């Protein structure tokens, strides 16, 4: 059977043409009388294949799913088993200093919110009590971490008090965004989970 409106081939049991939407009852094999429909059938809309949505995305590291925000200008911070800490604009698999393999999995992005308290002094960043260098005022870094639960601790020369939140990084949710800022009049630091749209991309 073929559609008498557009000529597309019809499959057995089709009630409407998959190409133009015309009712199949108008397409009848030669010599076969048309059978009346048992009940009125409304005009069907043509089938349209869904188009993939395009949006700016960034593949932060091999194996990570794209995210709808481009954080590629934020450096990735690594720490190898020998203790070498360095930043890179592109994903790395081995330490450039000693060649040791680097942790792979997900990323914890930390943004030090701008403030005047100790603005000239960097905040120390620790994940799972492992030192990962400093974070300048209004600076962001993405720390490469294996999948699992990770404690984030941020310090300053004026205080080592921090709320020490624990974030979970999984293969399904490989990104965590958080902000660090002074709290309690500058006598403590708070690290809070953030939404990606609230994070700077540079």
Protein backbone atom coordinates (compact mmCIF):
# COMPACT_ATOMS: atom_id res chain seq x y z
CA UNK A 1 0.00 0.00 0.00
CA UNK A 2 1.10 3.53 -0.76
CA UNK A 3 -0.20 6.89 0.42
CA UNK A 4 -2.29 8.49 -2.31
CA UNK A 5 -1.31 11.93 -1.06
CA UNK A 6 2.52 11.72 -0.99
CA UNK A 7 3.29 8.25 -2.36
CA UNK A 8 5.09 7.01 0.76
CA UNK A 9 4.98 3.29 1.42
CA UNK A 10 2.56 2.24 4.15
CA UNK A 11 3.01 -0.62 6.56
CA UNK A 12 0.23 -3.04 7.37
CA UNK A 13 -1.86 -1.67 10.21
CA UNK A 14 -0.88 1.98 9.69
CA UNK A 15 -3.82 4.31 10.17
CA UNK A 16 -1.96 7.43 9.08
CA UNK A 17 0.91 8.07 6.70
CA UNK A 18 4.16 8.35 8.64
CA UNK A 19 5.46 10.94 6.17
CA UNK A 20 2.60 13.38 5.56
CA UNK A 21 0.00 12.36 8.14
CA UNK A 22 -2.78 11.62 5.69
CA UNK A 23 -5.34 9.03 6.91
CA UNK A 24 -4.58 5.57 5.58
CA UNK A 25 -8.23 5.04 4.70
CA UNK A 26 -7.59 7.24 1.68
CA UNK A 27 -4.90 4.84 0.48
CA UNK A 28 -6.60 1.66 -0.66
CA UNK A 29 -5.02 -1.20 -2.64
CA UNK A 30 -6.40 -1.46 -6.15
CA UNK A 31 -9.53 -3.62 -6.30
CA UNK A 32 -10.11 -3.55 -2.54
CA UNK A 33 -13.15 -1.62 -1.31
CA UNK A 34 -12.53 0.86 1.46
CA UNK A 35 -13.85 -0.20 4.86
CA UNK A 36 -15.56 2.48 6.96
CA UNK A 37 -13.83 3.29 10.23
CA UNK A 38 -15.52 1.93 13.31
CA UNK A 39 -15.38 5.40 14.94
CA UNK A 40 -14.37 8.88 13.80
CA UNK A 41 -10.62 9.38 13.73
CA UNK A 42 -9.12 12.84 14.15
CA UNK A 43 -6.49 14.09 11.72
CA UNK A 44 -3.05 13.04 12.98
CA UNK A 45 -0.08 15.35 12.94
CA UNK A 46 2.95 14.24 10.89
CA UNK A 47 5.55 12.38 12.85
CA UNK A 48 8.58 14.54 13.49
CA UNK A 49 11.81 13.10 14.82
CA UNK A 50 13.04 15.02 17.89
CA UNK A 51 16.08 17.17 17.19
CA UNK A 52 18.97 17.00 19.65
CA UNK A 53 19.27 20.10 21.78
CA UNK A 54 22.52 21.96 21.35
CA UNK A 55 24.04 23.93 24.16
CA UNK A 56 27.53 25.06 25.13
CA UNK A 57 29.19 22.24 26.98
CA UNK A 58 32.60 21.43 28.34
CA UNK A 59 34.21 18.01 28.61
CA UNK A 60 36.35 18.71 31.63
CA UNK A 61 38.19 15.41 31.66
CA UNK A 62 38.15 12.13 29.81
CA UNK A 63 35.00 10.15 30.58
CA UNK A 64 33.06 13.01 32.17
CA UNK A 65 29.65 13.95 30.87
CA UNK A 66 29.26 17.40 29.30
CA UNK A 67 27.76 20.15 31.44
CA UNK A 68 25.82 23.18 30.13
CA UNK A 69 28.44 25.68 31.33
CA UNK A 70 31.89 26.24 29.90
CA UNK A 71 34.42 26.13 32.74
CA UNK A 72 37.35 25.30 30.45
CA UNK A 73 39.16 28.51 31.46
CA UNK A 74 39.25 27.42 35.10
CA UNK A 75 42.51 25.50 35.70
CA UNK A 76 42.41 21.91 36.92
CA UNK A 77 44.52 21.33 40.02
CA UNK A 78 46.27 18.00 40.46
CA UNK A 79 48.31 16.41 43.23
CA UNK A 80 50.28 13.28 42.45
CA UNK A 81 51.22 10.57 44.96
CA UNK A 82 54.67 12.17 45.36
CA UNK A 83 53.09 15.44 46.52
CA UNK A 84 53.59 17.56 43.42
CA UNK A 85 50.75 20.09 43.07
CA UNK A 86 50.20 21.88 39.78
CA UNK A 87 47.50 23.53 37.67
CA UNK A 88 46.68 22.66 34.08
CA UNK A 89 44.25 24.09 31.54
CA UNK A 90 43.78 20.65 29.97
CA UNK A 91 43.17 17.24 31.58
CA UNK A 92 46.34 15.34 32.54
CA UNK A 93 46.95 11.66 33.22
CA UNK A 94 50.51 11.81 34.57
CA UNK A 95 52.50 14.23 36.70
CA UNK A 96 54.80 16.33 34.48
CA UNK A 97 57.44 16.36 37.24
CA UNK A 98 57.75 12.70 38.20
CA UNK A 99 55.49 10.88 35.73
CA UNK A 100 53.29 9.40 38.47
CA UNK A 101 49.67 8.66 37.47
CA UNK A 102 47.19 11.31 38.54
CA UNK A 103 43.79 10.79 40.17
CA UNK A 104 40.91 10.49 37.75
CA UNK A 105 37.19 10.54 38.33
CA UNK A 106 35.44 13.86 38.87
CA UNK A 107 36.05 17.49 39.72
CA UNK A 108 35.36 19.67 42.74
CA UNK A 109 35.33 23.30 41.70
CA UNK A 110 36.06 25.80 44.48
CA UNK A 111 35.51 29.53 44.15
CA UNK A 112 36.88 31.92 46.74
CA UNK A 113 34.29 34.65 46.90
CA UNK A 114 35.64 38.18 46.89
CA UNK A 115 36.03 39.88 50.26
CA UNK A 116 38.24 42.49 51.86
CA UNK A 117 39.30 40.43 54.89
CA UNK A 118 42.83 39.24 54.18
CA UNK A 119 42.28 39.83 50.47
CA UNK A 120 46.02 39.82 49.76
CA UNK A 121 46.58 36.46 51.45
CA UNK A 122 45.58 33.19 49.80
CA UNK A 123 43.37 30.60 51.40
CA UNK A 124 44.82 27.14 51.87
CA UNK A 125 42.85 24.33 50.25
CA UNK A 126 42.70 20.79 51.67
CA UNK A 127 40.72 17.85 50.38
CA UNK A 128 40.61 14.84 52.67
CA UNK A 129 43.26 16.63 54.78
CA UNK A 130 45.68 16.63 51.82
CA UNK A 131 47.11 20.10 51.03
CA UNK A 132 46.35 21.37 47.55
CA UNK A 133 47.98 24.79 47.49
CA UNK A 134 46.32 28.17 47.81
CA UNK A 135 43.37 30.03 46.40
CA UNK A 136 43.68 33.76 45.77
CA UNK A 137 40.88 36.27 46.26
CA UNK A 138 38.14 35.73 43.63
CA UNK A 139 40.06 32.77 42.18
CA UNK A 140 38.52 29.46 41.08
CA UNK A 141 40.12 26.05 40.70
CA UNK A 142 38.83 22.64 39.71
CA UNK A 143 40.39 19.86 41.77
CA UNK A 144 40.66 16.41 40.18
CA UNK A 145 39.44 13.75 42.62
CA UNK A 146 38.54 10.05 42.40
CA UNK A 147 34.92 9.03 42.75
CA UNK A 148 33.76 8.88 46.34
CA UNK A 149 33.18 11.14 49.35
CA UNK A 150 35.58 14.04 49.93
CA UNK A 151 35.96 16.50 52.79
CA UNK A 152 36.78 20.08 51.76
CA UNK A 153 38.67 22.23 54.25
CA UNK A 154 39.77 25.81 53.57
CA UNK A 155 42.02 27.84 55.87
CA UNK A 156 43.40 31.36 56.15
CA UNK A 157 46.22 32.97 58.11
CA UNK A 158 43.60 34.53 60.38
CA UNK A 159 41.73 31.29 61.07
CA UNK A 160 41.81 27.55 60.52
CA UNK A 161 38.16 27.12 61.44
CA UNK A 162 36.04 25.71 58.64
CA UNK A 163 32.71 23.91 58.47
CA UNK A 164 34.42 21.03 56.57
CA UNK A 165 31.57 19.90 54.29
CA UNK A 166 31.69 16.46 52.66
CA UNK A 167 30.78 16.16 49.00
CA UNK A 168 30.09 13.00 47.02
CA UNK A 169 31.47 12.67 43.49
CA UNK A 170 30.10 9.82 41.40
CA UNK A 171 30.24 8.71 37.80
CA UNK A 172 26.65 9.86 37.41
CA UNK A 173 27.33 13.20 39.11
CA UNK A 174 31.03 13.88 38.52
CA UNK A 175 30.94 17.63 39.21
CA UNK A 176 30.66 19.49 42.51
CA UNK A 177 30.64 23.30 42.76
CA UNK A 178 31.24 25.13 46.01
CA UNK A 179 32.07 28.61 47.32
CA UNK A 180 34.41 29.56 50.15
CA UNK A 181 33.97 32.75 52.12
CA UNK A 182 34.56 34.24 55.55
CA UNK A 183 31.80 33.88 58.13
CA UNK A 184 31.28 34.97 61.73
CA UNK A 185 33.04 38.27 61.26
CA UNK A 186 36.13 36.74 59.71
CA UNK A 187 36.76 34.20 62.48
CA UNK A 188 35.76 31.17 60.41
CA UNK A 189 35.48 30.06 56.80
CA UNK A 190 32.35 28.55 55.31
CA UNK A 191 32.39 26.27 52.28
CA UNK A 192 28.96 25.92 50.71
CA UNK A 193 27.73 23.91 47.76
CA UNK A 194 26.76 26.15 44.84
CA UNK A 195 24.85 25.94 41.59
CA UNK A 196 26.97 25.97 38.43
CA UNK A 197 25.14 29.01 37.05
CA UNK A 198 26.32 30.99 40.09
CA UNK A 199 29.98 30.15 39.51
CA UNK A 200 32.36 32.31 37.45
CA UNK A 201 33.59 30.69 34.24
CA UNK A 202 36.97 32.44 34.26
